[in-house]
Amino acid sequence: YVSPESWTHGSSKQRQLALKDGLQNGDIESCRTPGW
């Protein structure tokens, strides 16, 4: 049983998108997402 509401790190898809954005922008700080 998976409960996404209890995750503290975001979903795999969310983390991949955040990393991709940070790498494309050249700003690794943009990978940080509040609440994860």
N, C-alpha and C. Protein backbone atom coordinates (compact mmCIF):
# COMPACT_ATOMS: atom_id res chain seq x y z
N TYR A 1 0.84 -1.19 0.00
CA TYR A 1 0.00 0.00 0.00
C TYR A 1 0.88 1.24 0.00
N VAL A 2 0.61 2.17 -0.93
CA VAL A 2 1.39 3.39 -1.05
C VAL A 2 0.51 4.58 -0.68
N SER A 3 1.03 5.44 0.16
CA SER A 3 0.28 6.62 0.60
C SER A 3 1.05 7.89 0.26
N PRO A 4 0.86 8.44 -0.95
CA PRO A 4 1.61 9.64 -1.36
C PRO A 4 1.47 10.81 -0.39
N GLU A 5 0.35 10.89 0.33
CA GLU A 5 0.15 12.00 1.25
C GLU A 5 1.19 12.01 2.37
N SER A 6 1.75 10.83 2.67
CA SER A 6 2.71 10.74 3.77
C SER A 6 4.15 10.96 3.31
N TRP A 7 4.37 11.11 2.02
CA TRP A 7 5.72 11.30 1.51
C TRP A 7 6.27 12.65 1.95
N THR A 8 7.55 12.69 2.27
CA THR A 8 8.20 13.96 2.62
C THR A 8 9.16 14.40 1.53
N HIS A 9 9.30 13.61 0.48
CA HIS A 9 10.31 13.87 -0.54
C HIS A 9 9.74 14.09 -1.92
N GLY A 10 8.42 14.13 -2.07
CA GLY A 10 7.83 14.27 -3.39
C GLY A 10 7.88 12.96 -4.14
N SER A 11 7.12 12.87 -5.19
CA SER A 11 7.11 11.64 -5.97
C SER A 11 8.35 11.56 -6.85
N SER A 12 8.61 10.40 -7.38
CA SER A 12 9.75 10.22 -8.27
C SER A 12 9.65 11.17 -9.46
N LYS A 13 8.46 11.30 -10.00
CA LYS A 13 8.26 12.18 -11.16
C LYS A 13 8.55 13.64 -10.78
N GLN A 14 8.09 14.06 -9.60
CA GLN A 14 8.34 15.43 -9.16
C GLN A 14 9.83 15.68 -8.99
N ARG A 15 10.54 14.72 -8.41
CA ARG A 15 11.98 14.89 -8.19
C ARG A 15 12.72 14.94 -9.51
N GLN A 16 12.31 14.10 -10.47
CA GLN A 16 12.97 14.11 -11.78
C GLN A 16 12.76 15.45 -12.47
N LEU A 17 11.56 16.00 -12.40
CA LEU A 17 11.28 17.28 -13.04
C LEU A 17 12.08 18.40 -12.38
N ALA A 18 12.18 18.39 -11.05
CA ALA A 18 12.93 19.42 -10.34
C ALA A 18 14.41 19.36 -10.72
N LEU A 19 14.96 18.15 -10.79
CA LEU A 19 16.37 17.99 -11.16
C LEU A 19 16.59 18.45 -12.60
N LYS A 20 15.71 18.05 -13.50
CA LYS A 20 15.83 18.44 -14.90
C LYS A 20 15.80 19.96 -15.05
N ASP A 21 14.88 20.62 -14.35
CA ASP A 21 14.79 22.08 -14.41
C ASP A 21 16.09 22.71 -13.91
N GLY A 22 16.60 22.21 -12.78
CA GLY A 22 17.83 22.76 -12.23
C GLY A 22 19.01 22.60 -13.16
N LEU A 23 19.11 21.45 -13.79
CA LEU A 23 20.23 21.21 -14.71
C LEU A 23 20.10 22.07 -15.96
N GLN A 24 18.90 22.21 -16.49
CA GLN A 24 18.70 23.01 -17.70
C GLN A 24 18.93 24.50 -17.43
N ASN A 25 18.55 24.95 -16.24
CA ASN A 25 18.72 26.36 -15.89
C ASN A 25 20.14 26.68 -15.46
N GLY A 26 20.92 25.65 -15.17
CA GLY A 26 22.26 25.87 -14.67
C GLY A 26 22.25 26.36 -13.23
N ASP A 27 21.11 26.21 -12.56
CA ASP A 27 20.97 26.68 -11.18
C ASP A 27 20.48 25.53 -10.32
N ILE A 28 21.42 24.87 -9.66
CA ILE A 28 21.07 23.69 -8.88
C ILE A 28 20.16 24.04 -7.72
N GLU A 29 20.18 25.30 -7.27
CA GLU A 29 19.30 25.72 -6.19
C GLU A 29 17.83 25.63 -6.60
N SER A 30 17.55 25.71 -7.88
CA SER A 30 16.15 25.62 -8.32
C SER A 30 15.61 24.20 -8.18
N CYS A 31 16.50 23.25 -7.87
CA CYS A 31 16.06 21.88 -7.62
C CYS A 31 15.42 21.75 -6.24
N ARG A 32 15.71 22.71 -5.38
CA ARG A 32 15.15 22.65 -4.03
C ARG A 32 13.66 22.97 -4.10
N THR A 33 12.89 22.14 -3.46
CA THR A 33 11.46 22.37 -3.47
C THR A 33 10.95 22.41 -2.04
N PRO A 34 10.21 23.44 -1.68
CA PRO A 34 9.73 23.55 -0.30
C PRO A 34 8.78 22.41 0.05
N GLY A 35 8.88 21.94 1.26
CA GLY A 35 7.97 20.92 1.73
C GLY A 35 8.41 19.50 1.49
N TRP A 36 9.52 19.30 0.79
CA TRP A 36 9.98 17.93 0.56
C TRP A 36 10.92 17.60 1.66
